[in-house]
Amino acid sequence: MVEYLRAPPDAKTLAKLLDTLQKSPRDLMRTHEPAYKDLGLDDPSLSRAALIAAMPANPILIERPIVVAGGRAVLGRPPEAILEVLWRGLMGRIYFSLTNFAT
């Protein structure tokens, strides 16, 4: 578990996470936070890189929870989405363990 307010992910990590999630930066931002509008992040002309750079500098804007398991990532909205990625990750580890046991 990462306490993102104390140690926010850097821009490179966020870019990779967004790619894994197949989401845009705004999909991962809390757009109802006052800082979102105060910082001008609602400007549609802002680049992907500019939006990503704003998140580590203002970690309160990062939507959460984000769960990464089994090479997959999911935004925990709705919460049921977390169960799917955890279940798939668990089943992959069980399958891997059983195939190693059988050899």
PDB file of N, CA and C in Angstrom:
ATOM      1  N   MET A   1       0.844  -1.164   0.000  1.00  0.00           N
ATOM      2  CA  MET A   1       0.000   0.000   0.000  1.00  0.00           C
ATOM      3  C   MET A   1       0.896   1.236   0.000  1.00  0.00           C
ATOM      4  N   VAL A   2       0.526   2.204  -0.820  1.00  0.00           N
ATOM      5  CA  VAL A   2       1.272   3.451  -0.926  1.00  0.00           C
ATOM      6  C   VAL A   2       0.428   4.573  -0.343  1.00  0.00           C
ATOM      7  N   GLU A   3       1.001   5.290   0.595  1.00  0.00           N
ATOM      8  CA  GLU A   3       0.315   6.454   1.157  1.00  0.00           C
ATOM      9  C   GLU A   3       0.629   7.632   0.246  1.00  0.00           C
ATOM     10  N   TYR A   4      -0.207   7.815  -0.759  1.00  0.00           N
ATOM     11  CA  TYR A   4       0.085   8.755  -1.835  1.00  0.00           C
ATOM     12  C   TYR A   4       0.165  10.214  -1.378  1.00  0.00           C
ATOM     13  N   LEU A   5      -0.476  10.579  -0.272  1.00  0.00           N
ATOM     14  CA  LEU A   5      -0.363  11.959   0.189  1.00  0.00           C
ATOM     15  C   LEU A   5       1.017  12.238   0.780  1.00  0.00           C
ATOM     16  N   ARG A   6       1.631  11.218   1.372  1.00  0.00           N
ATOM     17  CA  ARG A   6       2.976  11.371   1.946  1.00  0.00           C
ATOM     18  C   ARG A   6       4.065  11.154   0.907  1.00  0.00           C
ATOM     19  N   ALA A   7       3.830  10.205   0.018  1.00  0.00           N
ATOM     20  CA  ALA A   7       4.817   9.862  -1.017  1.00  0.00           C
ATOM     21  C   ALA A   7       4.098   9.665  -2.344  1.00  0.00           C
ATOM     22  N   PRO A   8       3.720  10.759  -2.995  1.00  0.00           N
ATOM     23  CA  PRO A   8       2.972  10.628  -4.245  1.00  0.00           C
ATOM     24  C   PRO A   8       3.822   9.994  -5.342  1.00  0.00           C
ATOM     25  N   PRO A   9       3.179   9.282  -6.241  1.00  0.00           N
ATOM     26  CA  PRO A   9       3.942   8.711  -7.359  1.00  0.00           C
ATOM     27  C   PRO A   9       4.478   9.832  -8.247  1.00  0.00           C
ATOM     28  N   ASP A  10       5.614   9.580  -8.873  1.00  0.00           N
ATOM     29  CA  ASP A  10       6.163  10.592  -9.775  1.00  0.00           C
ATOM     30  C   ASP A  10       5.436  10.544 -11.116  1.00  0.00           C
ATOM     31  N   ALA A  11       5.732  11.504 -11.973  1.00  0.00           N
ATOM     32  CA  ALA A  11       5.038  11.618 -13.256  1.00  0.00           C
ATOM     33  C   ALA A  11       5.245  10.378 -14.122  1.00  0.00           C
ATOM     34  N   LYS A  12       6.443   9.820 -14.107  1.00  0.00           N
ATOM     35  CA  LYS A  12       6.723   8.624 -14.915  1.00  0.00           C
ATOM     36  C   LYS A  12       5.872   7.448 -14.448  1.00  0.00           C
ATOM     37  N   THR A  13       5.758   7.266 -13.150  1.00  0.00           N
ATOM     38  CA  THR A  13       4.941   6.186 -12.590  1.00  0.00           C
ATOM     39  C   THR A  13       3.466   6.399 -12.936  1.00  0.00           C
ATOM     40  N   LEU A  14       3.005   7.640 -12.822  1.00  0.00           N
ATOM     41  CA  LEU A  14       1.613   7.935 -13.160  1.00  0.00           C
ATOM     42  C   LEU A  14       1.328   7.686 -14.630  1.00  0.00           C
ATOM     43  N   ALA A  15       2.260   8.049 -15.513  1.00  0.00           N
ATOM     44  CA  ALA A  15       2.069   7.812 -16.945  1.00  0.00           C
ATOM     45  C   ALA A  15       1.954   6.324 -17.234  1.00  0.00           C
ATOM     46  N   LYS A  16       2.806   5.541 -16.587  1.00  0.00           N
ATOM     47  CA  LYS A  16       2.760   4.083 -16.773  1.00  0.00           C
ATOM     48  C   LYS A  16       1.454   3.516 -16.219  1.00  0.00           C
ATOM     49  N   LEU A  17       1.045   4.006 -15.081  1.00  0.00           N
ATOM     50  CA  LEU A  17      -0.204   3.566 -14.468  1.00  0.00           C
ATOM     51  C   LEU A  17      -1.398   3.908 -15.362  1.00  0.00           C
ATOM     52  N   LEU A  18      -1.406   5.105 -15.919  1.00  0.00           N
ATOM     53  CA  LEU A  18      -2.480   5.500 -16.828  1.00  0.00           C
ATOM     54  C   LEU A  18      -2.528   4.600 -18.062  1.00  0.00           C
ATOM     55  N   ASP A  19      -1.353   4.239 -18.570  1.00  0.00           N
ATOM     56  CA  ASP A  19      -1.309   3.321 -19.712  1.00  0.00           C
ATOM     57  C   ASP A  19      -1.884   1.962 -19.339  1.00  0.00           C
ATOM     58  N   THR A  20      -1.514   1.466 -18.164  1.00  0.00           N
ATOM     59  CA  THR A  20      -2.028   0.176 -17.697  1.00  0.00           C
ATOM     60  C   THR A  20      -3.536   0.226 -17.494  1.00  0.00           C
ATOM     61  N   LEU A  21      -4.000   1.328 -16.936  1.00  0.00           N
ATOM     62  CA  LEU A  21      -5.439   1.512 -16.705  1.00  0.00           C
ATOM     63  C   LEU A  21      -6.204   1.807 -17.996  1.00  0.00           C
ATOM     64  N   GLN A  22      -5.476   2.210 -19.030  1.00  0.00           N
ATOM     65  CA  GLN A  22      -6.080   2.662 -20.283  1.00  0.00           C
ATOM     66  C   GLN A  22      -7.042   3.832 -20.017  1.00  0.00           C
ATOM     67  N   LYS A  23      -6.522   4.787 -19.253  1.00  0.00           N
ATOM     68  CA  LYS A  23      -7.299   5.971 -18.866  1.00  0.00           C
ATOM     69  C   LYS A  23      -6.539   7.230 -19.260  1.00  0.00           C
ATOM     70  N   SER A  24      -7.260   8.322 -19.338  1.00  0.00           N
ATOM     71  CA  SER A  24      -6.634   9.623 -19.565  1.00  0.00           C
ATOM     72  C   SER A  24      -6.308  10.231 -18.197  1.00  0.00           C
ATOM     73  N   PRO A  25      -5.428  11.233 -18.146  1.00  0.00           N
ATOM     74  CA  PRO A  25      -5.109  11.845 -16.851  1.00  0.00           C
ATOM     75  C   PRO A  25      -6.341  12.353 -16.097  1.00  0.00           C
ATOM     76  N   ARG A  26      -7.273  12.947 -16.798  1.00  0.00           N
ATOM     77  CA  ARG A  26      -8.463  13.470 -16.115  1.00  0.00           C
ATOM     78  C   ARG A  26      -9.316  12.350 -15.509  1.00  0.00           C
ATOM     79  N   ASP A  27      -9.251  11.161 -16.090  1.00  0.00           N
ATOM     80  CA  ASP A  27      -9.982  10.025 -15.510  1.00  0.00           C
ATOM     81  C   ASP A  27      -9.446   9.664 -14.134  1.00  0.00           C
ATOM     82  N   LEU A  28      -8.211  10.042 -13.871  1.00  0.00           N
ATOM     83  CA  LEU A  28      -7.554   9.707 -12.612  1.00  0.00           C
ATOM     84  C   LEU A  28      -7.504  10.898 -11.656  1.00  0.00           C
ATOM     85  N   MET A  29      -8.181  11.974 -12.027  1.00  0.00           N
ATOM     86  CA  MET A  29      -8.152  13.186 -11.207  1.00  0.00           C
ATOM     87  C   MET A  29      -9.497  13.426 -10.536  1.00  0.00           C
ATOM     88  N   ARG A  30      -9.409  13.932  -9.331  1.00  0.00           N
ATOM     89  CA  ARG A  30     -10.606  14.314  -8.577  1.00  0.00           C
ATOM     90  C   ARG A  30     -10.995  15.724  -9.034  1.00  0.00           C
ATOM     91  N   THR A  31     -11.825  15.763 -10.049  1.00  0.00           N
ATOM     92  CA  THR A  31     -12.160  17.030 -10.696  1.00  0.00           C
ATOM     93  C   THR A  31     -13.060  17.921  -9.846  1.00  0.00           C
ATOM     94  N   HIS A  32     -13.608  17.399  -8.761  1.00  0.00           N
ATOM     95  CA  HIS A  32     -14.455  18.216  -7.884  1.00  0.00           C
ATOM     96  C   HIS A  32     -13.676  18.862  -6.735  1.00  0.00           C
ATOM     97  N   GLU A  33     -12.397  18.543  -6.644  1.00  0.00           N
ATOM     98  CA  GLU A  33     -11.550  19.192  -5.634  1.00  0.00           C
ATOM     99  C   GLU A  33     -11.359  20.663  -6.031  1.00  0.00           C
ATOM    100  N   PRO A  34     -11.421  21.585  -5.062  1.00  0.00           N
ATOM    101  CA  PRO A  34     -11.210  23.006  -5.391  1.00  0.00           C
ATOM    102  C   PRO A  34      -9.883  23.259  -6.118  1.00  0.00           C
ATOM    103  N   ALA A  35      -8.844  22.527  -5.783  1.00  0.00           N
ATOM    104  CA  ALA A  35      -7.532  22.731  -6.401  1.00  0.00           C
ATOM    105  C   ALA A  35      -7.573  22.475  -7.908  1.00  0.00           C
ATOM    106  N   TYR A  36      -8.420  21.586  -8.345  1.00  0.00           N
ATOM    107  CA  TYR A  36      -8.518  21.263  -9.773  1.00  0.00           C
ATOM    108  C   TYR A  36      -8.837  22.527 -10.577  1.00  0.00           C
ATOM    109  N   LYS A  37      -9.850  23.235 -10.151  1.00  0.00           N
ATOM    110  CA  LYS A  37     -10.245  24.461 -10.853  1.00  0.00           C
ATOM    111  C   LYS A  37      -9.286  25.613 -10.530  1.00  0.00           C
ATOM    112  N   ASP A  38      -8.866  25.719  -9.260  1.00  0.00           N
ATOM    113  CA  ASP A  38      -7.960  26.802  -8.849  1.00  0.00           C
ATOM    114  C   ASP A  38      -6.658  26.784  -9.646  1.00  0.00           C
ATOM    115  N   LEU A  39      -6.175  25.588  -9.982  1.00  0.00           N
ATOM    116  CA  LEU A  39      -4.921  25.454 -10.735  1.00  0.00           C
ATOM    117  C   LEU A  39      -5.126  25.529 -12.245  1.00  0.00           C
ATOM    118  N   GLY A  40      -6.364  25.710 -12.668  1.00  0.00           N
ATOM    119  CA  GLY A  40      -6.656  25.819 -14.092  1.00  0.00           C
ATOM    120  C   GLY A  40      -6.598  24.499 -14.828  1.00  0.00           C
ATOM    121  N   LEU A  41      -6.724  23.389 -14.087  1.00  0.00           N
ATOM    122  CA  LEU A  41      -6.623  22.074 -14.706  1.00  0.00           C
ATOM    123  C   LEU A  41      -7.869  21.701 -15.510  1.00  0.00           C
ATOM    124  N   ASP A  42      -8.898  22.530 -15.407  1.00  0.00           N
ATOM    125  CA  ASP A  42     -10.100  22.308 -16.204  1.00  0.00           C
ATOM    126  C   ASP A  42      -9.955  22.857 -17.625  1.00  0.00           C
ATOM    127  N   ASP A  43      -8.809  23.442 -17.921  1.00  0.00           N
ATOM    128  CA  ASP A  43      -8.530  23.976 -19.258  1.00  0.00           C
ATOM    129  C   ASP A  43      -8.373  22.805 -20.237  1.00  0.00           C
ATOM    130  N   PRO A  44      -9.269  22.690 -21.226  1.00  0.00           N
ATOM    131  CA  PRO A  44      -9.210  21.546 -22.150  1.00  0.00           C
ATOM    132  C   PRO A  44      -7.976  21.534 -23.043  1.00  0.00           C
ATOM    133  N   SER A  45      -7.253  22.644 -23.117  1.00  0.00           N
ATOM    134  CA  SER A  45      -6.065  22.683 -23.974  1.00  0.00           C
ATOM    135  C   SER A  45      -4.806  22.138 -23.289  1.00  0.00           C
ATOM    136  N   LEU A  46      -4.904  21.835 -22.002  1.00  0.00           N
ATOM    137  CA  LEU A  46      -3.726  21.311 -21.294  1.00  0.00           C
ATOM    138  C   LEU A  46      -3.326  19.947 -21.856  1.00  0.00           C
ATOM    139  N   SER A  47      -2.035  19.756 -21.972  1.00  0.00           N
ATOM    140  CA  SER A  47      -1.510  18.499 -22.511  1.00  0.00           C
ATOM    141  C   SER A  47      -1.574  17.381 -21.476  1.00  0.00           C
ATOM    142  N   ARG A  48      -1.436  16.171 -21.955  1.00  0.00           N
ATOM    143  CA  ARG A  48      -1.377  14.992 -21.082  1.00  0.00           C
ATOM    144  C   ARG A  48      -0.242  15.157 -20.082  1.00  0.00           C
ATOM    145  N   ALA A  49       0.912  15.592 -20.568  1.00  0.00           N
ATOM    146  CA  ALA A  49       2.086  15.763 -19.699  1.00  0.00           C
ATOM    147  C   ALA A  49       1.834  16.808 -18.620  1.00  0.00           C
ATOM    148  N   ALA A  50       1.166  17.895 -18.957  1.00  0.00           N
ATOM    149  CA  ALA A  50       0.884  18.947 -17.967  1.00  0.00           C
ATOM    150  C   ALA A  50      -0.070  18.432 -16.891  1.00  0.00           C
ATOM    151  N   LEU A  51      -1.065  17.677 -17.302  1.00  0.00           N
ATOM    152  CA  LEU A  51      -2.012  17.126 -16.327  1.00  0.00           C
ATOM    153  C   LEU A  51      -1.332  16.107 -15.413  1.00  0.00           C
ATOM    154  N   ILE A  52      -0.499  15.265 -16.003  1.00  0.00           N
ATOM    155  CA  ILE A  52       0.223  14.265 -15.200  1.00  0.00           C
ATOM    156  C   ILE A  52       1.162  14.965 -14.215  1.00  0.00           C
ATOM    157  N   ALA A  53       1.848  16.017 -14.657  1.00  0.00           N
ATOM    158  CA  ALA A  53       2.778  16.746 -13.779  1.00  0.00           C
ATOM    159  C   ALA A  53       2.062  17.386 -12.603  1.00  0.00           C
ATOM    160  N   ALA A  54       0.800  17.750 -12.787  1.00  0.00           N
ATOM    161  CA  ALA A  54       0.047  18.400 -11.709  1.00  0.00           C
ATOM    162  C   ALA A  54      -0.293  17.433 -10.578  1.00  0.00           C
ATOM    163  N   MET A  55      -0.394  16.151 -10.883  1.00  0.00           N
ATOM    164  CA  MET A  55      -0.824  15.194  -9.854  1.00  0.00           C
ATOM    165  C   MET A  55       0.202  14.969  -8.745  1.00  0.00           C
ATOM    166  N   PRO A  56       1.482  14.725  -9.041  1.00  0.00           N
ATOM    167  CA  PRO A  56       2.443  14.569  -7.933  1.00  0.00           C
ATOM    168  C   PRO A  56       2.599  15.853  -7.117  1.00  0.00           C
ATOM    169  N   ALA A  57       2.455  16.992  -7.778  1.00  0.00           N
ATOM    170  CA  ALA A  57       2.576  18.269  -7.086  1.00  0.00           C
ATOM    171  C   ALA A  57       1.363  18.555  -6.200  1.00  0.00           C
ATOM    172  N   ASN A  58       0.232  17.926  -6.515  1.00  0.00           N
ATOM    173  CA  ASN A  58      -1.025  18.118  -5.783  1.00  0.00           C
ATOM    174  C   ASN A  58      -1.706  16.764  -5.604  1.00  0.00           C
ATOM    175  N   PRO A  59      -1.138  15.884  -4.799  1.00  0.00           N
ATOM    176  CA  PRO A  59      -1.626  14.509  -4.725  1.00  0.00           C
ATOM    177  C   PRO A  59      -3.080  14.365  -4.279  1.00  0.00           C
ATOM    178  N   ILE A  60      -3.639  15.381  -3.653  1.00  0.00           N
ATOM    179  CA  ILE A  60      -5.054  15.328  -3.266  1.00  0.00           C
ATOM    180  C   ILE A  60      -5.937  15.162  -4.505  1.00  0.00           C
ATOM    181  N   LEU A  61      -5.405  15.520  -5.668  1.00  0.00           N
ATOM    182  CA  LEU A  61      -6.160  15.417  -6.914  1.00  0.00           C
ATOM    183  C   LEU A  61      -6.223  14.001  -7.473  1.00  0.00           C
ATOM    184  N   ILE A  62      -5.392  13.101  -6.959  1.00  0.00           N
ATOM    185  CA  ILE A  62      -5.347  11.737  -7.495  1.00  0.00           C
ATOM    186  C   ILE A  62      -6.527  10.939  -6.955  1.00  0.00           C
ATOM    187  N   GLU A  63      -7.314  10.406  -7.884  1.00  0.00           N
ATOM    188  CA  GLU A  63      -8.446   9.557  -7.514  1.00  0.00           C
ATOM    189  C   GLU A  63      -7.908   8.284  -6.869  1.00  0.00           C
ATOM    190  N   ARG A  64      -8.643   7.779  -5.926  1.00  0.00           N
ATOM    191  CA  ARG A  64      -8.218   6.574  -5.227  1.00  0.00           C
ATOM    192  C   ARG A  64      -9.430   5.767  -4.815  1.00  0.00           C
ATOM    193  N   PRO A  65      -9.257   4.534  -4.498  1.00  0.00           N
ATOM    194  CA  PRO A  65      -8.000   3.781  -4.526  1.00  0.00           C
ATOM    195  C   PRO A  65      -7.690   3.274  -5.930  1.00  0.00           C
ATOM    196  N   ILE A  66      -6.414   3.002  -6.145  1.00  0.00           N
ATOM    197  CA  ILE A  66      -5.955   2.351  -7.364  1.00  0.00           C
ATOM    198  C   ILE A  66      -5.288   1.067  -6.907  1.00  0.00           C
ATOM    199  N   VAL A  67      -5.725  -0.033  -7.463  1.00  0.00           N
ATOM    200  CA  VAL A  67      -5.179  -1.328  -7.072  1.00  0.00           C
ATOM    201  C   VAL A  67      -4.427  -1.912  -8.265  1.00  0.00           C
ATOM    202  N   VAL A  68      -3.208  -2.383  -8.007  1.00  0.00           N
ATOM    203  CA  VAL A  68      -2.401  -3.038  -9.026  1.00  0.00           C
ATOM    204  C   VAL A  68      -2.123  -4.443  -8.527  1.00  0.00           C
ATOM    205  N   ALA A  69      -2.497  -5.428  -9.348  1.00  0.00           N
ATOM    206  CA  ALA A  69      -2.283  -6.834  -8.977  1.00  0.00           C
ATOM    207  C   ALA A  69      -2.255  -7.677 -10.238  1.00  0.00           C
ATOM    208  N   GLY A  70      -1.384  -8.646 -10.255  1.00  0.00           N
ATOM    209  CA  GLY A  70      -1.338  -9.569 -11.380  1.00  0.00           C
ATOM    210  C   GLY A  70      -1.091  -8.890 -12.715  1.00  0.00           C
ATOM    211  N   GLY A  71      -0.288  -7.816 -12.714  1.00  0.00           N
ATOM    212  CA  GLY A  71       0.000  -7.107 -13.947  1.00  0.00           C
ATOM    213  C   GLY A  71      -1.142  -6.246 -14.465  1.00  0.00           C
ATOM    214  N   ARG A  72      -2.203  -6.128 -13.695  1.00  0.00           N
ATOM    215  CA  ARG A  72      -3.354  -5.310 -14.068  1.00  0.00           C
ATOM    216  C   ARG A  72      -3.526  -4.199 -13.042  1.00  0.00           C
ATOM    217  N   ALA A  73      -4.264  -3.191 -13.435  1.00  0.00           N
ATOM    218  CA  ALA A  73      -4.566  -2.090 -12.530  1.00  0.00           C
ATOM    219  C   ALA A  73      -6.028  -1.721 -12.697  1.00  0.00           C
ATOM    220  N   VAL A  74      -6.618  -1.237 -11.615  1.00  0.00           N
ATOM    221  CA  VAL A  74      -8.015  -0.821 -11.661  1.00  0.00           C
ATOM    222  C   VAL A  74      -8.220   0.334 -10.694  1.00  0.00           C
ATOM    223  N   LEU A  75      -9.051   1.266 -11.125  1.00  0.00           N
ATOM    224  CA  LEU A  75      -9.471   2.348 -10.258  1.00  0.00           C
ATOM    225  C   LEU A  75     -10.629   1.812  -9.438  1.00  0.00           C
ATOM    226  N   GLY A  76     -10.564   1.981  -8.135  1.00  0.00           N
ATOM    227  CA  GLY A  76     -11.545   1.377  -7.232  1.00  0.00           C
ATOM    228  C   GLY A  76     -12.880   2.086  -7.190  1.00  0.00           C
ATOM    229  N   ARG A  77     -13.339   2.585  -8.297  1.00  0.00           N
ATOM    230  CA  ARG A  77     -14.667   3.182  -8.411  1.00  0.00           C
ATOM    231  C   ARG A  77     -15.373   2.517  -9.565  1.00  0.00           C
ATOM    232  N   PRO A  78     -16.340   1.691  -9.362  1.00  0.00           N
ATOM    233  CA  PRO A  78     -16.947   1.308  -8.099  1.00  0.00           C
ATOM    234  C   PRO A  78     -16.059   0.318  -7.342  1.00  0.00           C
ATOM    235  N   PRO A  79     -16.267   0.163  -6.054  1.00  0.00           N
ATOM    236  CA  PRO A  79     -15.424  -0.718  -5.244  1.00  0.00           C
ATOM    237  C   PRO A  79     -15.367  -2.162  -5.741  1.00  0.00           C
ATOM    238  N   GLU A  80     -16.421  -2.613  -6.396  1.00  0.00           N
ATOM    239  CA  GLU A  80     -16.450  -3.994  -6.894  1.00  0.00           C
ATOM    240  C   GLU A  80     -15.342  -4.250  -7.913  1.00  0.00           C
ATOM    241  N   ALA A  81     -14.869  -3.198  -8.587  1.00  0.00           N
ATOM    242  CA  ALA A  81     -13.808  -3.352  -9.578  1.00  0.00           C
ATOM    243  C   ALA A  81     -12.531  -3.893  -8.939  1.00  0.00           C
ATOM    244  N   ILE A  82     -12.306  -3.538  -7.681  1.00  0.00           N
ATOM    245  CA  ILE A  82     -11.121  -4.017  -6.965  1.00  0.00           C
ATOM    246  C   ILE A  82     -11.170  -5.530  -6.812  1.00  0.00           C
ATOM    247  N   LEU A  83     -12.338  -6.045  -6.503  1.00  0.00           N
ATOM    248  CA  LEU A  83     -12.473  -7.487  -6.300  1.00  0.00           C
ATOM    249  C   LEU A  83     -12.074  -8.263  -7.543  1.00  0.00           C
ATOM    250  N   GLU A  84     -12.460  -7.760  -8.702  1.00  0.00           N
ATOM    251  CA  GLU A  84     -12.138  -8.464  -9.946  1.00  0.00           C
ATOM    252  C   GLU A  84     -10.631  -8.562 -10.169  1.00  0.00           C
ATOM    253  N   VAL A  85      -9.913  -7.447 -10.008  1.00  0.00           N
ATOM    254  CA  VAL A  85      -8.477  -7.486 -10.261  1.00  0.00           C
ATOM    255  C   VAL A  85      -7.753  -8.317  -9.197  1.00  0.00           C
ATOM    256  N   LEU A  86      -8.210  -8.242  -7.955  1.00  0.00           N
ATOM    257  CA  LEU A  86      -7.589  -9.070  -6.913  1.00  0.00           C
ATOM    258  C   LEU A  86      -7.860 -10.548  -7.165  1.00  0.00           C
ATOM    259  N   TRP A  87      -9.074 -10.876  -7.560  1.00  0.00           N
ATOM    260  CA  TRP A  87      -9.432 -12.267  -7.832  1.00  0.00           C
ATOM    261  C   TRP A  87      -8.613 -12.815  -8.992  1.00  0.00           C
ATOM    262  N   ARG A  88      -8.508 -12.051 -10.063  1.00  0.00           N
ATOM    263  CA  ARG A  88      -7.721 -12.495 -11.222  1.00  0.00           C
ATOM    264  C   ARG A  88      -6.255 -12.674 -10.844  1.00  0.00           C
ATOM    265  N   GLY A  89      -5.716 -11.756 -10.048  1.00  0.00           N
ATOM    266  CA  GLY A  89      -4.331 -11.876  -9.607  1.00  0.00           C
ATOM    267  C   GLY A  89      -4.122 -13.099  -8.741  1.00  0.00           C
ATOM    268  N   LEU A  90      -5.065 -13.354  -7.838  1.00  0.00           N
ATOM    269  CA  LEU A  90      -4.989 -14.526  -6.971  1.00  0.00           C
ATOM    270  C   LEU A  90      -5.084 -15.806  -7.786  1.00  0.00           C
ATOM    271  N   MET A  91      -6.022 -15.860  -8.721  1.00  0.00           N
ATOM    272  CA  MET A  91      -6.194 -17.067  -9.531  1.00  0.00           C
ATOM    273  C   MET A  91      -4.955 -17.325 -10.383  1.00  0.00           C
ATOM    274  N   GLY A  92      -4.326 -16.264 -10.884  1.00  0.00           N
ATOM    275  CA  GLY A  92      -3.100 -16.425 -11.662  1.00  0.00           C
ATOM    276  C   GLY A  92      -1.985 -17.008 -10.815  1.00  0.00           C
ATOM    277  N   ARG A  93      -1.873 -16.565  -9.582  1.00  0.00           N
ATOM    278  CA  ARG A  93      -0.832 -17.101  -8.689  1.00  0.00           C
ATOM    279  C   ARG A  93      -1.131 -18.546  -8.322  1.00  0.00           C
ATOM    280  N   ILE A  94      -2.385 -18.867  -8.100  1.00  0.00           N
ATOM    281  CA  ILE A  94      -2.748 -20.254  -7.777  1.00  0.00           C
ATOM    282  C   ILE A  94      -2.429 -21.149  -8.958  1.00  0.00           C
ATOM    283  N   TYR A  95      -2.811 -20.746 -10.171  1.00  0.00           N
ATOM    284  CA  TYR A  95      -2.538 -21.541 -11.366  1.00  0.00           C
ATOM    285  C   TYR A  95      -1.038 -21.743 -11.531  1.00  0.00           C
ATOM    286  N   PHE A  96      -0.258 -20.650 -11.363  1.00  0.00           N
ATOM    287  CA  PHE A  96       1.191 -20.738 -11.500  1.00  0.00           C
ATOM    288  C   PHE A  96       1.757 -21.714 -10.472  1.00  0.00           C
ATOM    289  N   SER A  97       1.269 -21.643  -9.248  1.00  0.00           N
ATOM    290  CA  SER A  97       1.752 -22.532  -8.193  1.00  0.00           C
ATOM    291  C   SER A  97       1.425 -23.979  -8.509  1.00  0.00           C
ATOM    292  N   LEU A  98       0.231 -24.238  -9.000  1.00  0.00           N
ATOM    293  CA  LEU A  98      -0.173 -25.602  -9.319  1.00  0.00           C
ATOM    294  C   LEU A  98       0.599 -26.157 -10.491  1.00  0.00           C
ATOM    295  N   THR A  99       0.874 -25.334 -11.510  1.00  0.00           N
ATOM    296  CA  THR A  99       1.631 -25.835 -12.645  1.00  0.00           C
ATOM    297  C   THR A  99       3.070 -26.126 -12.251  1.00  0.00           C
ATOM    298  N   ASN A 100       3.632 -25.335 -11.359  1.00  0.00           N
ATOM    299  CA  ASN A 100       4.984 -25.617 -10.880  1.00  0.00           C
ATOM    300  C   ASN A 100       5.013 -26.878 -10.030  1.00  0.00           C
ATOM    301  N   PHE A 101       3.958 -27.097  -9.256  1.00  0.00           N
ATOM    302  CA  PHE A 101       3.873 -28.279  -8.415  1.00  0.00           C
ATOM    303  C   PHE A 101       3.782 -29.544  -9.268  1.00  0.00           C
ATOM    304  N   ALA A 102       3.078 -29.467 -10.396  1.00  0.00           N
ATOM    305  CA  ALA A 102       2.838 -30.638 -11.238  1.00  0.00           C
ATOM    306  C   ALA A 102       4.078 -31.067 -11.991  1.00  0.00           C
ATOM    307  N   THR A 103       5.078 -30.201 -12.136  1.00  0.00           N
ATOM    308  CA  THR A 103       6.262 -30.576 -12.917  1.00  0.00           C
ATOM    309  C   THR A 103       7.324 -31.205 -12.073  1.00  0.00           C
TER     310      THR A 103
END
